[in-house]
Protein backbone atom coordinates (compact mmCIF):
# COMPACT_ATOMS: atom_id res chain seq x y z
CA UNK A 1 0.00 0.00 0.00
CA UNK A 2 1.38 3.38 -0.95
CA UNK A 3 1.38 6.22 1.56
CA UNK A 4 0.03 9.54 0.49
CA UNK A 5 1.86 12.62 1.63
CA UNK A 6 -0.24 15.09 3.55
CA UNK A 7 -0.59 18.70 2.58
CA UNK A 8 0.56 19.76 6.06
CA UNK A 9 3.91 17.99 5.80
CA UNK A 10 4.53 19.39 2.33
CA UNK A 11 3.72 22.91 3.39
CA UNK A 12 5.86 22.54 6.55
CA UNK A 13 8.80 21.30 4.48
CA UNK A 14 8.25 24.13 2.01
CA UNK A 15 8.32 26.67 4.84
CA UNK A 16 11.58 25.18 6.16
CA UNK A 17 13.14 25.39 2.68
CA UNK A 18 11.93 28.97 2.39
CA UNK A 19 13.40 29.87 5.78
CA UNK A 20 16.76 28.29 4.93
CA UNK A 21 16.95 29.97 1.51
CA UNK A 22 16.05 33.41 2.81
CA UNK A 23 18.34 32.90 5.81
CA UNK A 24 21.28 32.33 3.50
CA UNK A 25 20.29 35.36 1.43
CA UNK A 26 19.89 37.49 4.56
CA UNK A 27 23.31 36.37 5.82
CA UNK A 28 25.01 37.25 2.54
CA UNK A 29 23.27 40.62 2.32
CA UNK A 30 24.16 41.35 5.95
CA UNK A 31 27.80 40.70 5.11
CA UNK A 32 27.46 43.11 2.18
CA UNK A 33 25.95 45.73 4.50
CA UNK A 34 28.88 45.30 6.88
CA UNK A 35 31.34 45.76 4.03
CA UNK A 36 29.66 49.07 3.17
CA UNK A 37 29.93 50.47 6.69
CA UNK A 38 31.43 53.86 7.43
CA UNK A 39 33.16 54.52 10.75
CA UNK A 40 31.96 51.19 12.15
CA UNK A 41 28.27 51.80 11.42
CA UNK A 42 26.36 50.10 8.61
CA UNK A 43 24.86 52.98 6.64
CA UNK A 44 22.95 50.76 4.24
CA UNK A 45 21.33 47.45 5.29
CA UNK A 46 20.23 45.50 2.18
CA UNK A 47 19.20 42.49 4.28
CA UNK A 48 16.24 44.47 5.64
CA UNK A 49 14.98 44.88 2.09
CA UNK A 50 15.07 41.12 1.60
CA UNK A 51 13.19 40.54 4.86
CA UNK A 52 10.47 43.10 4.13
CA UNK A 53 10.17 42.02 0.50
CA UNK A 54 9.73 38.38 1.49
CA UNK A 55 7.07 39.25 4.06
CA UNK A 56 5.17 41.40 1.57
CA UNK A 57 5.44 38.96 -1.33
CA UNK A 58 4.62 35.79 0.60
CA UNK A 59 1.93 37.11 2.90
CA UNK A 60 1.28 36.18 6.51
CA UNK A 61 1.57 32.36 6.30
CA UNK A 62 5.40 32.07 6.43
CA UNK A 63 5.76 34.77 9.08
CA UNK A 64 7.17 32.46 11.80
CA UNK A 65 9.92 30.79 9.69
CA UNK A 66 10.92 34.15 8.23
CA UNK A 67 11.06 35.70 11.69
CA UNK A 68 13.26 32.85 12.90
CA UNK A 69 15.56 33.45 9.96
CA UNK A 70 15.70 37.15 10.76
CA UNK A 71 16.89 36.25 14.27
CA UNK A 72 19.38 33.50 13.34
CA UNK A 73 21.15 35.13 10.37
CA UNK A 74 22.39 38.26 12.21
CA UNK A 75 23.65 36.08 15.06
CA UNK A 76 25.66 34.04 12.56
CA UNK A 77 26.92 37.19 10.86
CA UNK A 78 28.03 38.73 14.16
CA UNK A 79 29.72 35.51 15.24
CA UNK A 80 31.65 35.44 11.95
CA UNK A 81 32.87 38.96 12.78
CA UNK A 82 34.25 37.64 16.06
CA UNK A 83 31.80 39.26 18.45
CA UNK A 84 30.80 37.67 21.73
CA UNK A 85 27.83 35.31 21.62
CA UNK A 86 25.74 37.34 24.08
CA UNK A 87 26.42 40.50 22.07
CA UNK A 88 25.51 38.76 18.81
CA UNK A 89 22.18 37.59 20.27
CA UNK A 90 21.44 41.03 21.71
CA UNK A 91 22.17 42.78 18.41
CA UNK A 92 20.02 40.26 16.54
CA UNK A 93 17.09 40.90 18.87
CA UNK A 94 17.40 44.62 18.19
CA UNK A 95 17.22 44.15 14.42
PDB file of N, CA and C in Angstrom:
ATOM      1  N   UNK A   1       0.838  -1.167   0.000  1.00  0.00           N
ATOM      2  CA  UNK A   1       0.000   0.000   0.000  1.00  0.00           C
ATOM      3  C   UNK A   1       0.892   1.243   0.000  1.00  0.00           C
ATOM      4  N   UNK A   2       0.579   2.171  -0.814  1.00  0.00           N
ATOM      5  CA  UNK A   2       1.380   3.382  -0.951  1.00  0.00           C
ATOM      6  C   UNK A   2       0.850   4.467  -0.022  1.00  0.00           C
ATOM      7  N   UNK A   3       1.762   5.129   0.655  1.00  0.00           N
ATOM      8  CA  UNK A   3       1.376   6.223   1.556  1.00  0.00           C
ATOM      9  C   UNK A   3       1.216   7.509   0.771  1.00  0.00           C
ATOM     10  N   UNK A   4       0.205   8.233   1.123  1.00  0.00           N
ATOM     11  CA  UNK A   4       0.027   9.538   0.490  1.00  0.00           C
ATOM     12  C   UNK A   4       0.619  10.596   1.407  1.00  0.00           C
ATOM     13  N   UNK A   5       1.272  11.554   0.814  1.00  0.00           N
ATOM     14  CA  UNK A   5       1.856  12.625   1.627  1.00  0.00           C
ATOM     15  C   UNK A   5       0.780  13.649   1.933  1.00  0.00           C
ATOM     16  N   UNK A   6       0.777  14.121   3.147  1.00  0.00           N
ATOM     17  CA  UNK A   6      -0.243  15.091   3.546  1.00  0.00           C
ATOM     18  C   UNK A   6       0.158  16.490   3.107  1.00  0.00           C
ATOM     19  N   UNK A   7      -0.822  17.317   2.980  1.00  0.00           N
ATOM     20  CA  UNK A   7      -0.591  18.702   2.580  1.00  0.00           C
ATOM     21  C   UNK A   7       0.164  19.442   3.684  1.00  0.00           C
ATOM     22  N   UNK A   8      -0.094  19.084   4.940  1.00  0.00           N
ATOM     23  CA  UNK A   8       0.562  19.760   6.064  1.00  0.00           C
ATOM     24  C   UNK A   8       2.057  19.524   6.040  1.00  0.00           C
ATOM     25  N   UNK A   9       2.478  18.264   5.803  1.00  0.00           N
ATOM     26  CA  UNK A   9       3.911  17.987   5.797  1.00  0.00           C
ATOM     27  C   UNK A   9       4.602  18.655   4.618  1.00  0.00           C
ATOM     28  N   UNK A  10       3.922  18.721   3.480  1.00  0.00           N
ATOM     29  CA  UNK A  10       4.531  19.387   2.330  1.00  0.00           C
ATOM     30  C   UNK A  10       4.658  20.881   2.574  1.00  0.00           C
ATOM     31  N   UNK A  11       3.634  21.482   3.152  1.00  0.00           N
ATOM     32  CA  UNK A  11       3.723  22.913   3.390  1.00  0.00           C
ATOM     33  C   UNK A  11       4.756  23.221   4.486  1.00  0.00           C
ATOM     34  N   UNK A  12       4.854  22.345   5.499  1.00  0.00           N
ATOM     35  CA  UNK A  12       5.858  22.538   6.550  1.00  0.00           C
ATOM     36  C   UNK A  12       7.254  22.451   5.962  1.00  0.00           C
ATOM     37  N   UNK A  13       7.487  21.448   5.101  1.00  0.00           N
ATOM     38  CA  UNK A  13       8.801  21.301   4.478  1.00  0.00           C
ATOM     39  C   UNK A  13       9.089  22.485   3.557  1.00  0.00           C
ATOM     40  N   UNK A  14       8.070  22.961   2.870  1.00  0.00           N
ATOM     41  CA  UNK A  14       8.247  24.131   2.011  1.00  0.00           C
ATOM     42  C   UNK A  14       8.613  25.370   2.802  1.00  0.00           C
ATOM     43  N   UNK A  15       7.994  25.525   3.988  1.00  0.00           N
ATOM     44  CA  UNK A  15       8.321  26.668   4.836  1.00  0.00           C
ATOM     45  C   UNK A  15       9.738  26.574   5.371  1.00  0.00           C
ATOM     46  N   UNK A  16      10.195  25.357   5.684  1.00  0.00           N
ATOM     47  CA  UNK A  16      11.575  25.181   6.156  1.00  0.00           C
ATOM     48  C   UNK A  16      12.552  25.519   5.034  1.00  0.00           C
ATOM     49  N   UNK A  17      12.269  25.059   3.820  1.00  0.00           N
ATOM     50  CA  UNK A  17      13.136  25.389   2.684  1.00  0.00           C
ATOM     51  C   UNK A  17      13.163  26.893   2.447  1.00  0.00           C
ATOM     52  N   UNK A  18      12.009  27.520   2.563  1.00  0.00           N
ATOM     53  CA  UNK A  18      11.934  28.971   2.394  1.00  0.00           C
ATOM     54  C   UNK A  18      12.753  29.692   3.456  1.00  0.00           C
ATOM     55  N   UNK A  19      12.646  29.238   4.692  1.00  0.00           N
ATOM     56  CA  UNK A  19      13.400  29.868   5.776  1.00  0.00           C
ATOM     57  C   UNK A  19      14.899  29.700   5.581  1.00  0.00           C
ATOM     58  N   UNK A  20      15.329  28.526   5.146  1.00  0.00           N
ATOM     59  CA  UNK A  20      16.759  28.292   4.926  1.00  0.00           C
ATOM     60  C   UNK A  20      17.268  29.147   3.767  1.00  0.00           C
ATOM     61  N   UNK A  21      16.515  29.190   2.678  1.00  0.00           N
ATOM     62  CA  UNK A  21      16.949  29.969   1.513  1.00  0.00           C
ATOM     63  C   UNK A  21      17.024  31.458   1.824  1.00  0.00           C
ATOM     64  N   UNK A  22      16.001  31.985   2.491  1.00  0.00           N
ATOM     65  CA  UNK A  22      16.045  33.406   2.812  1.00  0.00           C
ATOM     66  C   UNK A  22      17.056  33.697   3.919  1.00  0.00           C
ATOM     67  N   UNK A  23      17.304  32.724   4.783  1.00  0.00           N
ATOM     68  CA  UNK A  23      18.336  32.898   5.811  1.00  0.00           C
ATOM     69  C   UNK A  23      19.710  33.043   5.198  1.00  0.00           C
ATOM     70  N   UNK A  24      19.994  32.231   4.198  1.00  0.00           N
ATOM     71  CA  UNK A  24      21.280  32.333   3.501  1.00  0.00           C
ATOM     72  C   UNK A  24      21.384  33.672   2.775  1.00  0.00           C
ATOM     73  N   UNK A  25      20.299  34.061   2.116  1.00  0.00           N
ATOM     74  CA  UNK A  25      20.292  35.358   1.433  1.00  0.00           C
ATOM     75  C   UNK A  25      20.461  36.517   2.401  1.00  0.00           C
ATOM     76  N   UNK A  26      19.785  36.435   3.543  1.00  0.00           N
ATOM     77  CA  UNK A  26      19.891  37.490   4.560  1.00  0.00           C
ATOM     78  C   UNK A  26      21.321  37.566   5.085  1.00  0.00           C
ATOM     79  N   UNK A  27      21.932  36.397   5.334  1.00  0.00           N
ATOM     80  CA  UNK A  27      23.308  36.366   5.823  1.00  0.00           C
ATOM     81  C   UNK A  27      24.255  37.023   4.828  1.00  0.00           C
ATOM     82  N   UNK A  28      24.121  36.681   3.555  1.00  0.00           N
ATOM     83  CA  UNK A  28      25.010  37.251   2.538  1.00  0.00           C
ATOM     84  C   UNK A  28      24.793  38.761   2.382  1.00  0.00           C
ATOM     85  N   UNK A  29      23.533  39.189   2.424  1.00  0.00           N
ATOM     86  CA  UNK A  29      23.268  40.622   2.319  1.00  0.00           C
ATOM     87  C   UNK A  29      23.707  41.373   3.575  1.00  0.00           C
ATOM     88  N   UNK A  30      23.646  40.726   4.726  1.00  0.00           N
ATOM     89  CA  UNK A  30      24.156  41.352   5.947  1.00  0.00           C
ATOM     90  C   UNK A  30      25.665  41.541   5.859  1.00  0.00           C
ATOM     91  N   UNK A  31      26.356  40.558   5.306  1.00  0.00           N
ATOM     92  CA  UNK A  31      27.802  40.700   5.114  1.00  0.00           C
ATOM     93  C   UNK A  31      28.099  41.856   4.156  1.00  0.00           C
ATOM     94  N   UNK A  32      27.291  41.987   3.107  1.00  0.00           N
ATOM     95  CA  UNK A  32      27.465  43.107   2.181  1.00  0.00           C
ATOM     96  C   UNK A  32      27.238  44.430   2.894  1.00  0.00           C
ATOM     97  N   UNK A  33      26.210  44.501   3.734  1.00  0.00           N
ATOM     98  CA  UNK A  33      25.950  45.726   4.504  1.00  0.00           C
ATOM     99  C   UNK A  33      27.098  46.070   5.430  1.00  0.00           C
ATOM    100  N   UNK A  34      27.740  45.050   6.006  1.00  0.00           N
ATOM    101  CA  UNK A  34      28.878  45.304   6.882  1.00  0.00           C
ATOM    102  C   UNK A  34      30.116  45.738   6.104  1.00  0.00           C
ATOM    103  N   UNK A  35      30.225  45.298   4.859  1.00  0.00           N
ATOM    104  CA  UNK A  35      31.342  45.756   4.027  1.00  0.00           C
ATOM    105  C   UNK A  35      31.179  47.230   3.641  1.00  0.00           C
ATOM    106  N   UNK A  36      29.944  47.688   3.577  1.00  0.00           N
ATOM    107  CA  UNK A  36      29.664  49.068   3.166  1.00  0.00           C
ATOM    108  C   UNK A  36      29.598  50.034   4.345  1.00  0.00           C
ATOM    109  N   UNK A  37      30.049  49.618   5.510  1.00  0.00           N
ATOM    110  CA  UNK A  37      29.931  50.473   6.688  1.00  0.00           C
ATOM    111  C   UNK A  37      30.960  51.600   6.670  1.00  0.00           C
ATOM    112  N   UNK A  38      30.562  52.684   7.306  1.00  0.00           N
ATOM    113  CA  UNK A  38      31.426  53.857   7.426  1.00  0.00           C
ATOM    114  C   UNK A  38      31.597  54.169   8.906  1.00  0.00           C
ATOM    115  N   UNK A  39      32.825  54.240   9.351  1.00  0.00           N
ATOM    116  CA  UNK A  39      33.161  54.520  10.747  1.00  0.00           C
ATOM    117  C   UNK A  39      32.526  53.515  11.699  1.00  0.00           C
ATOM    118  N   UNK A  40      32.469  52.251  11.292  1.00  0.00           N
ATOM    119  CA  UNK A  40      31.964  51.191  12.152  1.00  0.00           C
ATOM    120  C   UNK A  40      30.464  51.032  12.168  1.00  0.00           C
ATOM    121  N   UNK A  41      29.737  51.855  11.423  1.00  0.00           N
ATOM    122  CA  UNK A  41      28.271  51.797  11.416  1.00  0.00           C
ATOM    123  C   UNK A  41      27.806  51.460  10.004  1.00  0.00           C
ATOM    124  N   UNK A  42      26.919  50.470   9.908  1.00  0.00           N
ATOM    125  CA  UNK A  42      26.364  50.104   8.610  1.00  0.00           C
ATOM    126  C   UNK A  42      25.368  51.172   8.183  1.00  0.00           C
ATOM    127  N   UNK A  43      25.707  51.897   7.131  1.00  0.00           N
ATOM    128  CA  UNK A  43      24.862  52.981   6.644  1.00  0.00           C
ATOM    129  C   UNK A  43      23.702  52.429   5.838  1.00  0.00           C
ATOM    130  N   UNK A  44      23.937  51.362   5.129  1.00  0.00           N
ATOM    131  CA  UNK A  44      22.950  50.760   4.236  1.00  0.00           C
ATOM    132  C   UNK A  44      22.788  49.307   4.648  1.00  0.00           C
ATOM    133  N   UNK A  45      21.568  48.816   4.845  1.00  0.00           N
ATOM    134  CA  UNK A  45      21.335  47.446   5.292  1.00  0.00           C
ATOM    135  C   UNK A  45      20.438  46.737   4.277  1.00  0.00           C
ATOM    136  N   UNK A  46      21.038  46.143   3.223  1.00  0.00           N
ATOM    137  CA  UNK A  46      20.231  45.501   2.183  1.00  0.00           C
ATOM    138  C   UNK A  46      19.470  44.275   2.668  1.00  0.00           C
ATOM    139  N   UNK A  47      19.897  43.673   3.766  1.00  0.00           N
ATOM    140  CA  UNK A  47      19.200  42.494   4.280  1.00  0.00           C
ATOM    141  C   UNK A  47      17.793  42.839   4.752  1.00  0.00           C
ATOM    142  N   UNK A  48      17.583  44.048   5.221  1.00  0.00           N
ATOM    143  CA  UNK A  48      16.242  44.466   5.638  1.00  0.00           C
ATOM    144  C   UNK A  48      15.295  44.500   4.450  1.00  0.00           C
ATOM    145  N   UNK A  49      15.801  44.886   3.301  1.00  0.00           N
ATOM    146  CA  UNK A  49      14.983  44.880   2.089  1.00  0.00           C
ATOM    147  C   UNK A  49      14.544  43.484   1.713  1.00  0.00           C
ATOM    148  N   UNK A  50      15.429  42.514   1.869  1.00  0.00           N
ATOM    149  CA  UNK A  50      15.066  41.120   1.601  1.00  0.00           C
ATOM    150  C   UNK A  50      13.996  40.647   2.581  1.00  0.00           C
ATOM    151  N   UNK A  51      14.154  40.977   3.852  1.00  0.00           N
ATOM    152  CA  UNK A  51      13.185  40.541   4.863  1.00  0.00           C
ATOM    153  C   UNK A  51      11.808  41.146   4.603  1.00  0.00           C
ATOM    154  N   UNK A  52      11.754  42.438   4.359  1.00  0.00           N
ATOM    155  CA  UNK A  52      10.468  43.097   4.127  1.00  0.00           C
ATOM    156  C   UNK A  52       9.855  42.639   2.809  1.00  0.00           C
ATOM    157  N   UNK A  53      10.668  42.495   1.788  1.00  0.00           N
ATOM    158  CA  UNK A  53      10.166  42.017   0.501  1.00  0.00           C
ATOM    159  C   UNK A  53       9.589  40.621   0.588  1.00  0.00           C
ATOM    160  N   UNK A  54      10.246  39.744   1.337  1.00  0.00           N
ATOM    161  CA  UNK A  54       9.729  38.379   1.489  1.00  0.00           C
ATOM    162  C   UNK A  54       8.421  38.375   2.262  1.00  0.00           C
ATOM    163  N   UNK A  55       8.315  39.183   3.294  1.00  0.00           N
ATOM    164  CA  UNK A  55       7.072  39.249   4.060  1.00  0.00           C
ATOM    165  C   UNK A  55       5.929  39.826   3.233  1.00  0.00           C
ATOM    166  N   UNK A  56       6.206  40.814   2.408  1.00  0.00           N
ATOM    167  CA  UNK A  56       5.169  41.400   1.567  1.00  0.00           C
ATOM    168  C   UNK A  56       4.760  40.432   0.457  1.00  0.00           C
ATOM    169  N   UNK A  57       5.729  39.824  -0.191  1.00  0.00           N
ATOM    170  CA  UNK A  57       5.436  38.959  -1.328  1.00  0.00           C
ATOM    171  C   UNK A  57       4.759  37.647  -0.924  1.00  0.00           C
ATOM    172  N   UNK A  58       5.129  37.100   0.218  1.00  0.00           N
ATOM    173  CA  UNK A  58       4.618  35.787   0.599  1.00  0.00           C
ATOM    174  C   UNK A  58       3.415  35.835   1.522  1.00  0.00           C
ATOM    175  N   UNK A  59       3.103  36.985   2.048  1.00  0.00           N
ATOM    176  CA  UNK A  59       1.932  37.106   2.898  1.00  0.00           C
ATOM    177  C   UNK A  59       2.189  36.643   4.318  1.00  0.00           C
ATOM    178  N   UNK A  60       1.117  36.472   5.094  1.00  0.00           N
ATOM    179  CA  UNK A  60       1.280  36.177   6.515  1.00  0.00           C
ATOM    180  C   UNK A  60       1.596  34.718   6.850  1.00  0.00           C
ATOM    181  N   UNK A  61       1.393  33.781   5.945  1.00  0.00           N
ATOM    182  CA  UNK A  61       1.567  32.360   6.303  1.00  0.00           C
ATOM    183  C   UNK A  61       3.003  31.986   6.688  1.00  0.00           C
ATOM    184  N   UNK A  62       4.039  32.452   6.013  1.00  0.00           N
ATOM    185  CA  UNK A  62       5.400  32.068   6.428  1.00  0.00           C
ATOM    186  C   UNK A  62       6.030  33.030   7.419  1.00  0.00           C
ATOM    187  N   UNK A  63       5.227  33.743   8.177  1.00  0.00           N
ATOM    188  CA  UNK A  63       5.761  34.768   9.081  1.00  0.00           C
ATOM    189  C   UNK A  63       6.697  34.184  10.139  1.00  0.00           C
ATOM    190  N   UNK A  64       6.340  33.043  10.739  1.00  0.00           N
ATOM    191  CA  UNK A  64       7.167  32.462  11.797  1.00  0.00           C
ATOM    192  C   UNK A  64       8.524  31.977  11.281  1.00  0.00           C
ATOM    193  N   UNK A  65       8.583  31.190  10.178  1.00  0.00           N
ATOM    194  CA  UNK A  65       9.916  30.795   9.690  1.00  0.00           C
ATOM    195  C   UNK A  65      10.771  31.980   9.251  1.00  0.00           C
ATOM    196  N   UNK A  66      10.144  32.980   8.646  1.00  0.00           N
ATOM    197  CA  UNK A  66      10.916  34.150   8.228  1.00  0.00           C
ATOM    198  C   UNK A  66      11.414  34.932   9.436  1.00  0.00           C
ATOM    199  N   UNK A  67      10.611  35.004  10.482  1.00  0.00           N
ATOM    200  CA  UNK A  67      11.057  35.696  11.692  1.00  0.00           C
ATOM    201  C   UNK A  67      12.207  34.956  12.358  1.00  0.00           C
ATOM    202  N   UNK A  68      12.152  33.634  12.345  1.00  0.00           N
ATOM    203  CA  UNK A  68      13.256  32.845  12.901  1.00  0.00           C
ATOM    204  C   UNK A  68      14.527  33.090  12.105  1.00  0.00           C
ATOM    205  N   UNK A  69      14.395  33.187  10.819  1.00  0.00           N
ATOM    206  CA  UNK A  69      15.555  33.449   9.962  1.00  0.00           C
ATOM    207  C   UNK A  69      16.113  34.826  10.236  1.00  0.00           C
ATOM    208  N   UNK A  70      15.245  35.800  10.485  1.00  0.00           N
ATOM    209  CA  UNK A  70      15.703  37.153  10.765  1.00  0.00           C
ATOM    210  C   UNK A  70      16.462  37.206  12.085  1.00  0.00           C
ATOM    211  N   UNK A  71      16.169  36.300  12.996  1.00  0.00           N
ATOM    212  CA  UNK A  71      16.887  36.254  14.268  1.00  0.00           C
ATOM    213  C   UNK A  71      18.197  35.477  14.146  1.00  0.00           C
ATOM    214  N   UNK A  72      18.207  34.383  13.406  1.00  0.00           N
ATOM    215  CA  UNK A  72      19.376  33.504  13.340  1.00  0.00           C
ATOM    216  C   UNK A  72      20.482  34.081  12.449  1.00  0.00           C
ATOM    217  N   UNK A  73      20.129  34.649  11.315  1.00  0.00           N
ATOM    218  CA  UNK A  73      21.146  35.131  10.369  1.00  0.00           C
ATOM    219  C   UNK A  73      22.026  36.246  10.943  1.00  0.00           C
ATOM    220  N   UNK A  74      21.488  37.253  11.634  1.00  0.00           N
ATOM    221  CA  UNK A  74      22.393  38.261  12.212  1.00  0.00           C
ATOM    222  C   UNK A  74      23.292  37.694  13.312  1.00  0.00           C
ATOM    223  N   UNK A  75      22.794  36.718  14.055  1.00  0.00           N
ATOM    224  CA  UNK A  75      23.649  36.083  15.064  1.00  0.00           C
ATOM    225  C   UNK A  75      24.836  35.427  14.374  1.00  0.00           C
ATOM    226  N   UNK A  76      24.568  34.684  13.299  1.00  0.00           N
ATOM    227  CA  UNK A  76      25.657  34.037  12.565  1.00  0.00           C
ATOM    228  C   UNK A  76      26.613  35.063  11.979  1.00  0.00           C
ATOM    229  N   UNK A  77      26.081  36.155  11.454  1.00  0.00           N
ATOM    230  CA  UNK A  77      26.921  37.193  10.864  1.00  0.00           C
ATOM    231  C   UNK A  77      27.806  37.847  11.919  1.00  0.00           C
ATOM    232  N   UNK A  78      27.247  38.127  13.088  1.00  0.00           N
ATOM    233  CA  UNK A  78      28.034  38.732  14.161  1.00  0.00           C
ATOM    234  C   UNK A  78      29.068  37.769  14.723  1.00  0.00           C
ATOM    235  N   UNK A  79      28.748  36.482  14.768  1.00  0.00           N
ATOM    236  CA  UNK A  79      29.723  35.506  15.241  1.00  0.00           C
ATOM    237  C   UNK A  79      30.881  35.365  14.255  1.00  0.00           C
ATOM    238  N   UNK A  80      30.588  35.485  12.958  1.00  0.00           N
ATOM    239  CA  UNK A  80      31.653  35.437  11.954  1.00  0.00           C
ATOM    240  C   UNK A  80      32.586  36.629  12.124  1.00  0.00           C
ATOM    241  N   UNK A  81      32.043  37.770  12.553  1.00  0.00           N
ATOM    242  CA  UNK A  81      32.867  38.956  12.780  1.00  0.00           C
ATOM    243  C   UNK A  81      33.714  38.846  14.034  1.00  0.00           C
ATOM    244  N   UNK A  82      33.453  37.841  14.864  1.00  0.00           N
ATOM    245  CA  UNK A  82      34.252  37.643  16.062  1.00  0.00           C
ATOM    246  C   UNK A  82      33.689  38.300  17.301  1.00  0.00           C
ATOM    247  N   UNK A  83      32.414  38.651  17.276  1.00  0.00           N
ATOM    248  CA  UNK A  83      31.799  39.259  18.448  1.00  0.00           C
ATOM    249  C   UNK A  83      31.418  38.175  19.455  1.00  0.00           C
ATOM    250  N   UNK A  84      31.214  38.595  20.694  1.00  0.00           N
ATOM    251  CA  UNK A  84      30.799  37.668  21.733  1.00  0.00           C
ATOM    252  C   UNK A  84      29.397  37.136  21.429  1.00  0.00           C
ATOM    253  N   UNK A  85      29.116  35.928  21.894  1.00  0.00           N
ATOM    254  CA  UNK A  85      27.829  35.308  21.625  1.00  0.00           C
ATOM    255  C   UNK A  85      26.682  36.124  22.208  1.00  0.00           C
ATOM    256  N   UNK A  86      26.821  36.576  23.446  1.00  0.00           N
ATOM    257  CA  UNK A  86      25.740  37.342  24.078  1.00  0.00           C
ATOM    258  C   UNK A  86      25.497  38.649  23.349  1.00  0.00           C
ATOM    259  N   UNK A  87      26.565  39.263  22.824  1.00  0.00           N
ATOM    260  CA  UNK A  87      26.420  40.499  22.075  1.00  0.00           C
ATOM    261  C   UNK A  87      25.750  40.230  20.734  1.00  0.00           C
ATOM    262  N   UNK A  88      26.116  39.120  20.086  1.00  0.00           N
ATOM    263  CA  UNK A  88      25.508  38.761  18.808  1.00  0.00           C
ATOM    264  C   UNK A  88      24.007  38.530  18.960  1.00  0.00           C
ATOM    265  N   UNK A  89      23.608  37.858  20.033  1.00  0.00           N
ATOM    266  CA  UNK A  89      22.183  37.594  20.266  1.00  0.00           C
ATOM    267  C   UNK A  89      21.440  38.889  20.582  1.00  0.00           C
ATOM    268  N   UNK A  90      22.062  39.752  21.367  1.00  0.00           N
ATOM    269  CA  UNK A  90      21.440  41.034  21.708  1.00  0.00           C
ATOM    270  C   UNK A  90      21.253  41.899  20.468  1.00  0.00           C
ATOM    271  N   UNK A  91      22.272  41.972  19.637  1.00  0.00           N
ATOM    272  CA  UNK A  91      22.166  42.776  18.411  1.00  0.00           C
ATOM    273  C   UNK A  91      21.135  42.197  17.458  1.00  0.00           C
ATOM    274  N   UNK A  92      21.010  40.876  17.410  1.00  0.00           N
ATOM    275  CA  UNK A  92      20.018  40.255  16.538  1.00  0.00           C
ATOM    276  C   UNK A  92      18.603  40.548  17.027  1.00  0.00           C
ATOM    277  N   UNK A  93      18.421  40.589  18.335  1.00  0.00           N
ATOM    278  CA  UNK A  93      17.086  40.899  18.874  1.00  0.00           C
ATOM    279  C   UNK A  93      16.701  42.343  18.613  1.00  0.00           C
ATOM    280  N   UNK A  94      17.676  43.211  18.449  1.00  0.00           N
ATOM    281  CA  UNK A  94      17.402  44.619  18.187  1.00  0.00           C
ATOM    282  C   UNK A  94      17.130  44.888  16.716  1.00  0.00           C
ATOM    283  N   UNK A  95      17.432  43.924  15.842  1.00  0.00           N
ATOM    284  CA  UNK A  95      17.223  44.148  14.416  1.00  0.00           C
ATOM    285  C   UNK A  95      15.797  44.109  14.022  1.00  0.00           C
TER     286      UNK A  95
END
